[in-house]
Amino acid sequence: MALEWHAMKEKGCAANTSKKRLTQLENHIFPAIGSRPVADVKPPEILALLKGVAATGTAYTAGRLREICGQVFRYAIQTGKATYDPAAAMRGAIEKYAVNHRPALTTRREFGEFVRDLRVTTRADPLTKLCARFGLLTWTRPKELRQAKWDQFDMDAAEWRIPAIEMKTGKHLQAHTVALSAQALAILPELRVLSGHTDRLFPSGGSSGGVISENTINNLFRRMGYIDRQSHHGLSASARSLLSERGWSTEGAGTSA
């Protein structure tokens, strides 16, 4: 039933959105209730699914899953395969599981351990691991990092020039230049090999012209054991704390965040 609903919705939405929905179905919903007859699924089964996801620190994802389940059940009702929507009763049921989506390590000791763990982890493919390391060395926003293009880099000047259109929407939208350290520059040749002939540093393996998912790096940090301790978006907060600890002014630190 869910796949039939997905095929119907696929015709009127962007490829990225369609792919994300299918991934959420396959990763979360199908393992829990995928084999159950759509008319037999009860609210407690939906609640168990949502609690399981929310308990891992992804309350937002749990909320999205409830919405997807609701759309599938409503489609089943419309096509005569079910008589009610058990996901409707779950509105508000996972609010108490809400977590900080931007956790950040704030001491040199903790962050040093995190950097070492990232260097030796085997819980990611090479491109994902390099993406995390490059993000750690540049402190850029997740969106800027994922959308990075090769023509934005000036190797001679050791600069990454992010166009204004890629920056956070705001009243004073302007381009941003990121100074690249020797360590960041050293990663780029490896990335060039992995990204192939695409114009992106971090292309998606699935769709032509796409980039890696917004959850890719956070999922890596969770697999490393840093759930509720370090997030991709929290890297800039870590930078500010570490700079302050070393006596540097934090004004402007992590400005791209």
Foldseek 3Di string as FASTA:
>chain_A
DLVVLLVVCVVPDDPVVSVVLVCLCVPQVCVQCVVPQLQPDALVSLVVSLCVVLQLQPNVSSVVVLVSQQSVSVVCCVVVRYPDRSSVVCVPVCPVSHAPQAAEAQDPVVVVVVVVLLVPDPLDDPLLSLLLVLCLQFLAALQCSQAAFPVQDDLVQQKRKAAQVSADDDDDGGIDITRHDPVNSVSQVVQCVVVDPDRGSAADPPDPPHGDDSCSNVVVCVVSVQRSHHGSNNSQVNQLSVCVVVPHHSVVRSVRD
